[in-house]
């Protein structure tokens, strides 16, 4: 029953999510993922919607409204104050060596990890939405991908760099 319902609703959900995504400034995949989750939670509670197509359209619009509301509230972090250069030459040299080791390790990461980590380290302080758009992945996938990449990076870094 569940598999048949999911199979039957997939094209409708894809179309509805694509139609609503433009107005929210998000990706259709993010809306689809949220609606699938809501449907599966409802099916787990053994409370299937009486009219699945109507429920799905309503859920997509509800998710689009939620996304619009939260995106208005998202603000980038203010820039950190610039250091006045009070570090001594030894500290500067050690920081530069750690930075080189970090950049070298990032280049050796597998798959999309180098681009993802470079985007996270960017001085432009990109939002998750901007990073996901740059990498061509959904915003919802970014967190798990970031965790996996950071785990790989920890294993590649020398202990003195990873400890910082």
N, C-alpha and C. Protein backbone atom coordinates (compact mmCIF):
# COMPACT_ATOMS: atom_id res chain seq x y z
N UNK A 1 0.82 -1.20 0.00
CA UNK A 1 0.00 0.00 0.00
C UNK A 1 0.87 1.26 0.00
N UNK A 2 1.83 1.34 0.91
CA UNK A 2 2.68 2.52 1.01
C UNK A 2 3.48 2.73 -0.26
N UNK A 3 4.05 1.63 -0.78
CA UNK A 3 4.86 1.73 -2.00
C UNK A 3 4.01 2.20 -3.17
N UNK A 4 2.79 1.68 -3.29
CA UNK A 4 1.90 2.08 -4.38
C UNK A 4 1.55 3.56 -4.27
N UNK A 5 1.29 4.02 -3.05
CA UNK A 5 0.94 5.42 -2.83
C UNK A 5 2.11 6.34 -3.19
N UNK A 6 3.29 5.96 -2.75
CA UNK A 6 4.49 6.76 -3.04
C UNK A 6 4.73 6.80 -4.55
N UNK A 7 4.61 5.67 -5.21
CA UNK A 7 4.81 5.61 -6.65
C UNK A 7 3.79 6.47 -7.39
N UNK A 8 2.55 6.41 -6.94
CA UNK A 8 1.49 7.19 -7.59
C UNK A 8 1.66 8.69 -7.37
N UNK A 9 2.17 9.09 -6.21
CA UNK A 9 2.27 10.51 -5.88
C UNK A 9 3.56 11.17 -6.38
N UNK A 10 4.55 10.39 -6.75
CA UNK A 10 5.85 10.95 -7.14
C UNK A 10 5.75 12.00 -8.26
N UNK A 11 5.08 11.71 -9.39
CA UNK A 11 5.03 12.74 -10.45
C UNK A 11 4.29 14.01 -10.02
N UNK A 12 3.22 13.84 -9.26
CA UNK A 12 2.47 15.00 -8.78
C UNK A 12 3.33 15.84 -7.84
N UNK A 13 4.03 15.19 -6.93
CA UNK A 13 4.88 15.92 -5.99
C UNK A 13 5.99 16.66 -6.73
N UNK A 14 6.60 16.01 -7.71
CA UNK A 14 7.67 16.66 -8.48
C UNK A 14 7.13 17.91 -9.17
N UNK A 15 5.97 17.80 -9.80
CA UNK A 15 5.39 18.94 -10.51
C UNK A 15 5.02 20.07 -9.54
N UNK A 16 4.38 19.72 -8.44
CA UNK A 16 3.97 20.73 -7.46
C UNK A 16 5.19 21.41 -6.84
N UNK A 17 6.20 20.64 -6.49
CA UNK A 17 7.41 21.21 -5.87
C UNK A 17 8.12 22.15 -6.85
N UNK A 18 8.19 21.77 -8.12
CA UNK A 18 8.82 22.63 -9.12
C UNK A 18 8.05 23.94 -9.27
N UNK A 19 6.72 23.85 -9.23
CA UNK A 19 5.90 25.05 -9.37
C UNK A 19 6.06 25.99 -8.18
N UNK A 20 6.19 25.46 -6.99
CA UNK A 20 6.29 26.30 -5.79
C UNK A 20 7.71 26.74 -5.48
N UNK A 21 8.71 26.02 -5.93
CA UNK A 21 10.10 26.31 -5.57
C UNK A 21 10.54 27.69 -6.03
N UNK A 22 10.11 28.09 -7.21
CA UNK A 22 10.54 29.38 -7.73
C UNK A 22 10.15 30.52 -6.80
N UNK A 23 8.94 30.46 -6.26
CA UNK A 23 8.46 31.56 -5.41
C UNK A 23 9.15 31.57 -4.04
N UNK A 24 9.73 30.45 -3.64
CA UNK A 24 10.38 30.40 -2.33
C UNK A 24 11.87 30.69 -2.41
N UNK A 25 12.44 30.64 -3.62
CA UNK A 25 13.87 30.84 -3.76
C UNK A 25 14.66 29.64 -3.29
N UNK A 26 14.03 28.47 -3.31
CA UNK A 26 14.70 27.25 -2.89
C UNK A 26 14.65 26.23 -4.01
N UNK A 27 15.22 25.08 -3.78
CA UNK A 27 15.22 24.03 -4.79
C UNK A 27 14.01 23.14 -4.63
N UNK A 28 13.48 22.64 -5.74
CA UNK A 28 12.33 21.74 -5.66
C UNK A 28 12.64 20.50 -4.81
N UNK A 29 13.86 20.02 -4.87
CA UNK A 29 14.25 18.83 -4.11
C UNK A 29 14.10 19.02 -2.61
N UNK A 30 14.34 20.24 -2.13
CA UNK A 30 14.20 20.51 -0.70
C UNK A 30 12.73 20.42 -0.28
N UNK A 31 11.85 20.96 -1.10
CA UNK A 31 10.42 20.90 -0.80
C UNK A 31 9.95 19.45 -0.88
N UNK A 32 10.37 18.75 -1.92
CA UNK A 32 9.98 17.34 -2.07
C UNK A 32 10.41 16.53 -0.85
N UNK A 33 11.64 16.72 -0.43
CA UNK A 33 12.16 15.96 0.70
C UNK A 33 11.34 16.21 1.96
N UNK A 34 10.97 17.45 2.21
CA UNK A 34 10.19 17.78 3.40
C UNK A 34 8.79 17.16 3.33
N UNK A 35 8.18 17.19 2.15
CA UNK A 35 6.83 16.64 2.01
C UNK A 35 6.87 15.12 2.11
N UNK A 36 7.87 14.48 1.52
CA UNK A 36 7.98 13.01 1.66
C UNK A 36 8.09 12.65 3.14
N UNK A 37 8.89 13.40 3.86
CA UNK A 37 9.06 13.13 5.29
C UNK A 37 7.73 13.25 6.03
N UNK A 38 6.98 14.32 5.75
CA UNK A 38 5.68 14.50 6.39
C UNK A 38 4.74 13.34 6.05
N UNK A 39 4.74 12.91 4.79
CA UNK A 39 3.86 11.80 4.37
C UNK A 39 4.26 10.51 5.06
N UNK A 40 5.56 10.22 5.09
CA UNK A 40 6.01 8.97 5.71
C UNK A 40 5.76 8.97 7.21
N UNK A 41 5.89 10.12 7.86
CA UNK A 41 5.56 10.19 9.29
C UNK A 41 4.08 9.92 9.51
N UNK A 42 3.28 10.44 8.61
CA UNK A 42 1.83 10.23 8.73
C UNK A 42 1.49 8.76 8.48
N UNK A 43 2.13 8.14 7.51
CA UNK A 43 1.87 6.73 7.21
C UNK A 43 2.37 5.83 8.34
N UNK A 44 3.49 6.22 8.98
CA UNK A 44 3.99 5.45 10.13
C UNK A 44 3.00 5.48 11.29
N UNK A 45 2.29 6.59 11.43
CA UNK A 45 1.28 6.71 12.48
C UNK A 45 -0.03 6.03 12.06
N UNK A 46 0.00 5.38 10.92
CA UNK A 46 -1.16 4.68 10.36
C UNK A 46 -2.35 5.61 10.25
N UNK A 47 -2.07 6.80 9.72
CA UNK A 47 -3.11 7.81 9.49
C UNK A 47 -2.99 8.29 8.05
N UNK A 48 -3.27 7.42 7.05
CA UNK A 48 -3.13 7.84 5.66
C UNK A 48 -4.15 8.93 5.32
N UNK A 49 -3.75 9.87 4.49
CA UNK A 49 -4.70 10.93 4.12
C UNK A 49 -5.86 10.34 3.31
N UNK A 50 -7.10 10.81 3.56
CA UNK A 50 -8.24 10.27 2.82
C UNK A 50 -8.17 10.60 1.34
N UNK A 51 -7.68 11.78 0.98
CA UNK A 51 -7.51 12.19 -0.42
C UNK A 51 -6.03 12.54 -0.61
N UNK A 52 -5.19 11.56 -0.98
CA UNK A 52 -3.74 11.78 -1.02
C UNK A 52 -3.30 12.93 -1.94
N UNK A 53 -3.94 13.06 -3.11
CA UNK A 53 -3.53 14.13 -4.02
C UNK A 53 -3.81 15.50 -3.43
N UNK A 54 -4.95 15.66 -2.82
CA UNK A 54 -5.30 16.94 -2.20
C UNK A 54 -4.38 17.22 -1.01
N UNK A 55 -4.12 16.19 -0.21
CA UNK A 55 -3.22 16.35 0.93
C UNK A 55 -1.84 16.78 0.45
N UNK A 56 -1.37 16.14 -0.64
CA UNK A 56 -0.03 16.43 -1.15
C UNK A 56 0.05 17.88 -1.63
N UNK A 57 -0.93 18.34 -2.38
CA UNK A 57 -0.91 19.74 -2.84
C UNK A 57 -0.89 20.70 -1.65
N UNK A 58 -1.70 20.41 -0.65
CA UNK A 58 -1.74 21.25 0.54
C UNK A 58 -0.40 21.23 1.28
N UNK A 59 0.20 20.06 1.38
CA UNK A 59 1.48 19.92 2.08
C UNK A 59 2.59 20.69 1.35
N UNK A 60 2.59 20.65 0.02
CA UNK A 60 3.60 21.38 -0.76
C UNK A 60 3.44 22.88 -0.53
N UNK A 61 2.23 23.36 -0.59
CA UNK A 61 2.01 24.81 -0.39
C UNK A 61 2.37 25.22 1.04
N UNK A 62 2.05 24.37 2.00
CA UNK A 62 2.39 24.65 3.38
C UNK A 62 3.91 24.71 3.56
N UNK A 63 4.61 23.77 2.96
CA UNK A 63 6.08 23.75 3.05
C UNK A 63 6.68 24.97 2.36
N UNK A 64 6.09 25.38 1.24
CA UNK A 64 6.59 26.57 0.53
C UNK A 64 6.40 27.82 1.40
N UNK A 65 5.25 27.92 2.07
CA UNK A 65 5.03 29.07 2.97
C UNK A 65 6.03 29.07 4.11
N UNK A 66 6.27 27.88 4.70
CA UNK A 66 7.23 27.78 5.80
C UNK A 66 8.63 28.19 5.33
N UNK A 67 9.00 27.76 4.13
CA UNK A 67 10.31 28.09 3.59
C UNK A 67 10.44 29.59 3.35
N UNK A 68 9.39 30.21 2.82
CA UNK A 68 9.44 31.66 2.60
C UNK A 68 9.59 32.41 3.92
N UNK A 69 8.84 31.98 4.95
CA UNK A 69 8.93 32.65 6.25
C UNK A 69 10.33 32.52 6.84
N UNK A 70 10.88 31.32 6.82
CA UNK A 70 12.19 31.14 7.44
C UNK A 70 13.30 31.81 6.64
N UNK A 71 13.16 31.87 5.31
CA UNK A 71 14.23 32.50 4.52
C UNK A 71 14.28 34.00 4.76
N UNK A 72 13.14 34.61 5.08
CA UNK A 72 13.14 36.04 5.41
C UNK A 72 13.89 36.31 6.71
N UNK A 73 13.87 35.34 7.61
CA UNK A 73 14.51 35.52 8.91
C UNK A 73 16.00 35.22 8.90
N UNK A 74 16.48 34.52 7.87
CA UNK A 74 17.89 34.15 7.81
C UNK A 74 18.74 35.39 7.55
N UNK A 75 19.74 35.56 8.36
CA UNK A 75 20.66 36.69 8.23
C UNK A 75 22.08 36.15 8.31
N UNK A 76 22.99 36.68 7.48
CA UNK A 76 24.38 36.24 7.61
C UNK A 76 24.97 36.75 8.92
N UNK A 77 25.92 36.00 9.45
CA UNK A 77 26.60 36.45 10.66
C UNK A 77 27.40 37.71 10.34
N UNK A 78 27.45 38.64 11.28
CA UNK A 78 28.27 39.83 11.03
C UNK A 78 29.74 39.42 10.97
N UNK A 79 30.50 40.17 10.21
CA UNK A 79 31.92 39.86 10.05
C UNK A 79 32.63 40.00 11.40
N UNK A 80 33.58 39.13 11.62
CA UNK A 80 34.35 39.20 12.85
C UNK A 80 35.31 40.39 12.77
N UNK A 81 35.64 40.97 13.92
CA UNK A 81 36.56 42.11 13.88
C UNK A 81 37.92 41.69 13.35
N UNK A 82 38.53 42.57 12.62
CA UNK A 82 39.83 42.30 12.02
C UNK A 82 40.90 42.38 13.10
N UNK A 83 41.82 41.43 13.06
CA UNK A 83 42.93 41.43 14.01
C UNK A 83 43.84 42.61 13.70
N UNK A 84 44.31 43.27 14.71
CA UNK A 84 45.15 44.46 14.52
C UNK A 84 46.62 44.12 14.28
N UNK A 85 46.93 42.85 14.13
CA UNK A 85 48.31 42.46 13.83
C UNK A 85 49.19 42.37 15.05
N UNK A 86 48.62 42.12 16.22
CA UNK A 86 49.39 42.07 17.46
C UNK A 86 50.17 40.76 17.61
N UNK A 87 50.03 39.83 16.67
CA UNK A 87 50.74 38.54 16.77
C UNK A 87 52.22 38.74 16.47
N UNK A 88 53.03 37.96 17.15
CA UNK A 88 54.46 38.02 16.87
C UNK A 88 54.77 37.19 15.63
N UNK A 89 55.92 37.38 15.01
CA UNK A 89 56.27 36.68 13.77
C UNK A 89 56.20 35.15 13.89
N UNK A 90 56.57 34.62 15.05
CA UNK A 90 56.51 33.17 15.22
C UNK A 90 55.08 32.66 15.10
N UNK A 91 54.13 33.34 15.74
CA UNK A 91 52.71 32.95 15.67
C UNK A 91 52.19 33.05 14.24
N UNK A 92 52.60 34.11 13.55
CA UNK A 92 52.17 34.28 12.16
C UNK A 92 52.70 33.15 11.28
N UNK A 93 53.96 32.76 11.49
CA UNK A 93 54.56 31.68 10.71
C UNK A 93 53.86 30.35 11.00
N UNK A 94 53.55 30.08 12.27
CA UNK A 94 52.85 28.85 12.62
C UNK A 94 51.43 28.82 12.04
N UNK A 95 50.74 29.94 12.08
CA UNK A 95 49.39 30.03 11.51
C UNK A 95 49.43 29.81 10.00
N UNK A 96 50.45 30.38 9.34
CA UNK A 96 50.58 30.19 7.89
C UNK A 96 50.86 28.73 7.56
N UNK A 97 51.67 28.06 8.37
CA UNK A 97 51.97 26.63 8.14
C UNK A 97 50.71 25.78 8.33
N UNK A 98 49.93 26.11 9.35
CA UNK A 98 48.67 25.38 9.57
C UNK A 98 47.72 25.61 8.39
N UNK A 99 47.67 26.83 7.90
CA UNK A 99 46.81 27.14 6.75
C UNK A 99 47.22 26.38 5.51
N UNK A 100 48.54 26.27 5.27
CA UNK A 100 49.04 25.51 4.11
C UNK A 100 48.70 24.04 4.25
N UNK A 101 48.88 23.49 5.47
CA UNK A 101 48.56 22.07 5.70
C UNK A 101 47.07 21.83 5.48
N UNK A 102 46.24 22.76 5.92
CA UNK A 102 44.80 22.62 5.73
C UNK A 102 44.43 22.65 4.26
N UNK A 103 44.96 23.63 3.51
CA UNK A 103 44.65 23.71 2.08
C UNK A 103 45.15 22.48 1.32
N UNK A 104 46.30 21.96 1.70
CA UNK A 104 46.83 20.76 1.04
C UNK A 104 45.93 19.57 1.32
N UNK A 105 45.47 19.42 2.55
CA UNK A 105 44.58 18.31 2.91
C UNK A 105 43.24 18.44 2.20
N UNK A 106 42.73 19.66 2.07
CA UNK A 106 41.44 19.87 1.39
C UNK A 106 41.55 19.44 -0.06
N UNK A 107 42.67 19.72 -0.72
CA UNK A 107 42.84 19.33 -2.13
C UNK A 107 42.85 17.81 -2.31
N UNK A 108 43.25 17.07 -1.26
CA UNK A 108 43.32 15.60 -1.37
C UNK A 108 42.01 14.91 -1.04
N UNK A 109 40.99 15.66 -0.63
CA UNK A 109 39.70 15.04 -0.26
C UNK A 109 39.03 14.42 -1.49
N UNK A 110 38.18 13.40 -1.26
CA UNK A 110 37.52 12.73 -2.39
C UNK A 110 36.26 13.48 -2.85
N UNK A 111 35.84 13.22 -4.08
CA UNK A 111 34.55 13.68 -4.60
C UNK A 111 34.35 15.18 -4.56
N UNK A 112 33.15 15.58 -4.07
CA UNK A 112 32.79 17.00 -4.00
C UNK A 112 33.37 17.70 -2.79
N UNK A 113 34.04 16.95 -1.93
CA UNK A 113 34.51 17.52 -0.67
C UNK A 113 35.42 18.73 -0.83
N UNK A 114 36.39 18.74 -1.76
CA UNK A 114 37.23 19.93 -1.86
C UNK A 114 36.42 21.20 -2.14
N UNK A 115 35.48 21.12 -3.07
CA UNK A 115 34.66 22.31 -3.39
C UNK A 115 33.79 22.71 -2.21
N UNK A 116 33.23 21.71 -1.50
CA UNK A 116 32.37 22.01 -0.36
C UNK A 116 33.15 22.68 0.76
N UNK A 117 34.29 22.13 1.12
CA UNK A 117 35.09 22.70 2.21
C UNK A 117 35.61 24.08 1.84
N UNK A 118 36.03 24.27 0.58
CA UNK A 118 36.48 25.59 0.16
C UNK A 118 35.35 26.61 0.24
N UNK A 119 34.13 26.18 -0.10
CA UNK A 119 32.98 27.09 0.01
C UNK A 119 32.71 27.43 1.48
N UNK A 120 32.85 26.44 2.36
CA UNK A 120 32.64 26.70 3.79
C UNK A 120 33.71 27.62 4.37
N UNK A 121 34.93 27.52 3.86
CA UNK A 121 36.04 28.35 4.33
C UNK A 121 36.11 29.70 3.63
N UNK A 122 35.24 29.93 2.67
CA UNK A 122 35.27 31.15 1.88
C UNK A 122 35.14 32.39 2.75
N UNK A 123 35.92 33.42 2.48
CA UNK A 123 35.80 34.66 3.26
C UNK A 123 34.49 35.39 2.98
N UNK A 124 33.76 34.97 1.94
CA UNK A 124 32.47 35.61 1.61
C UNK A 124 31.35 35.18 2.55
N UNK A 125 31.60 34.19 3.43
CA UNK A 125 30.63 33.72 4.41
C UNK A 125 29.30 33.35 3.73
N UNK A 126 29.38 32.38 2.81
CA UNK A 126 28.22 31.96 2.05
C UNK A 126 27.19 31.25 2.93
N UNK A 127 25.92 31.40 2.60
CA UNK A 127 24.86 30.68 3.31
C UNK A 127 24.78 29.27 2.76
N UNK A 128 24.09 28.39 3.50
CA UNK A 128 23.91 27.02 3.02
C UNK A 128 23.21 27.01 1.66
N UNK A 129 22.24 27.90 1.48
CA UNK A 129 21.52 27.97 0.21
C UNK A 129 22.48 28.31 -0.93
N UNK A 130 23.37 29.28 -0.71
CA UNK A 130 24.33 29.68 -1.74
C UNK A 130 25.32 28.56 -2.03
N UNK A 131 25.78 27.88 -0.99
CA UNK A 131 26.73 26.78 -1.18
C UNK A 131 26.06 25.64 -1.94
N UNK A 132 24.84 25.29 -1.55
CA UNK A 132 24.11 24.21 -2.24
C UNK A 132 23.90 24.57 -3.70
N UNK A 133 23.56 25.81 -3.99
CA UNK A 133 23.38 26.23 -5.38
C UNK A 133 24.68 26.16 -6.16
N UNK A 134 25.77 26.55 -5.54
CA UNK A 134 27.07 26.51 -6.20
C UNK A 134 27.51 25.08 -6.52
N UNK A 135 27.21 24.16 -5.60
CA UNK A 135 27.62 22.77 -5.79
C UNK A 135 26.60 21.95 -6.57
N UNK A 136 25.39 22.48 -6.74
CA UNK A 136 24.36 21.75 -7.48
C UNK A 136 23.75 20.60 -6.69
N UNK A 137 23.63 20.76 -5.36
CA UNK A 137 23.00 19.74 -4.54
C UNK A 137 21.89 20.40 -3.73
N UNK A 138 21.01 19.60 -3.16
CA UNK A 138 19.93 20.18 -2.37
C UNK A 138 20.47 20.67 -1.03
N UNK A 139 19.80 21.67 -0.51
CA UNK A 139 20.22 22.27 0.75
C UNK A 139 20.13 21.25 1.89
N UNK A 140 19.16 20.35 1.83
CA UNK A 140 19.00 19.34 2.86
C UNK A 140 20.13 18.32 2.89
N UNK A 141 20.81 18.13 1.75
CA UNK A 141 21.91 17.17 1.68
C UNK A 141 23.22 17.77 2.17
N UNK A 142 23.24 19.08 2.30
CA UNK A 142 24.50 19.76 2.60
C UNK A 142 25.06 19.40 3.97
N UNK A 143 24.22 19.31 5.00
CA UNK A 143 24.69 19.00 6.35
C UNK A 143 25.35 17.63 6.44
N UNK A 144 24.68 16.57 5.96
CA UNK A 144 25.33 15.24 6.00
C UNK A 144 26.60 15.18 5.16
N UNK A 145 26.57 15.85 4.00
CA UNK A 145 27.76 15.87 3.14
C UNK A 145 28.91 16.59 3.84
N UNK A 146 28.59 17.71 4.50
CA UNK A 146 29.60 18.47 5.24
C UNK A 146 30.21 17.62 6.35
N UNK A 147 29.37 16.90 7.10
CA UNK A 147 29.87 16.05 8.19
C UNK A 147 30.81 14.97 7.66
N UNK A 148 30.42 14.36 6.55
CA UNK A 148 31.26 13.32 5.96
C UNK A 148 32.60 13.91 5.51
N UNK A 149 32.56 15.06 4.86
CA UNK A 149 33.79 15.69 4.37
C UNK A 149 34.69 16.13 5.52
N UNK A 150 34.10 16.67 6.59
CA UNK A 150 34.92 17.07 7.73
C UNK A 150 35.57 15.87 8.41
N UNK A 151 34.86 14.74 8.45
CA UNK A 151 35.46 13.52 9.00
C UNK A 151 36.66 13.08 8.17
N UNK A 152 36.52 13.13 6.84
CA UNK A 152 37.65 12.80 5.96
C UNK A 152 38.81 13.77 6.18
N UNK A 153 38.48 15.04 6.31
CA UNK A 153 39.51 16.05 6.50
C UNK A 153 40.26 15.84 7.81
N UNK A 154 39.54 15.49 8.88
CA UNK A 154 40.20 15.23 10.18
C UNK A 154 41.21 14.11 10.06
N UNK A 155 40.85 13.07 9.29
CA UNK A 155 41.77 11.93 9.14
C UNK A 155 43.00 12.30 8.32
N UNK A 156 42.87 13.27 7.41
CA UNK A 156 44.00 13.64 6.55
C UNK A 156 44.95 14.64 7.20
N UNK A 157 44.43 15.45 8.13
CA UNK A 157 45.26 16.51 8.71
C UNK A 157 46.28 15.97 9.71
N UNK A 158 47.43 16.58 9.75
CA UNK A 158 48.39 16.23 10.81
C UNK A 158 47.78 16.58 12.17
N UNK A 159 48.14 15.84 13.21
CA UNK A 159 47.53 16.06 14.53
C UNK A 159 47.64 17.50 15.04
N UNK A 160 48.74 18.19 14.75
CA UNK A 160 48.90 19.54 15.27
C UNK A 160 47.97 20.53 14.59
N UNK A 161 47.55 20.24 13.36
CA UNK A 161 46.61 21.11 12.67
C UNK A 161 45.18 20.77 13.07
N UNK A 162 44.86 19.47 13.14
CA UNK A 162 43.50 19.02 13.47
C UNK A 162 43.10 19.44 14.90
N UNK A 163 44.07 19.54 15.80
CA UNK A 163 43.77 19.89 17.19
C UNK A 163 43.25 21.32 17.30
N UNK A 164 43.61 22.18 16.41
CA UNK A 164 43.16 23.57 16.46
C UNK A 164 41.73 23.58 16.08
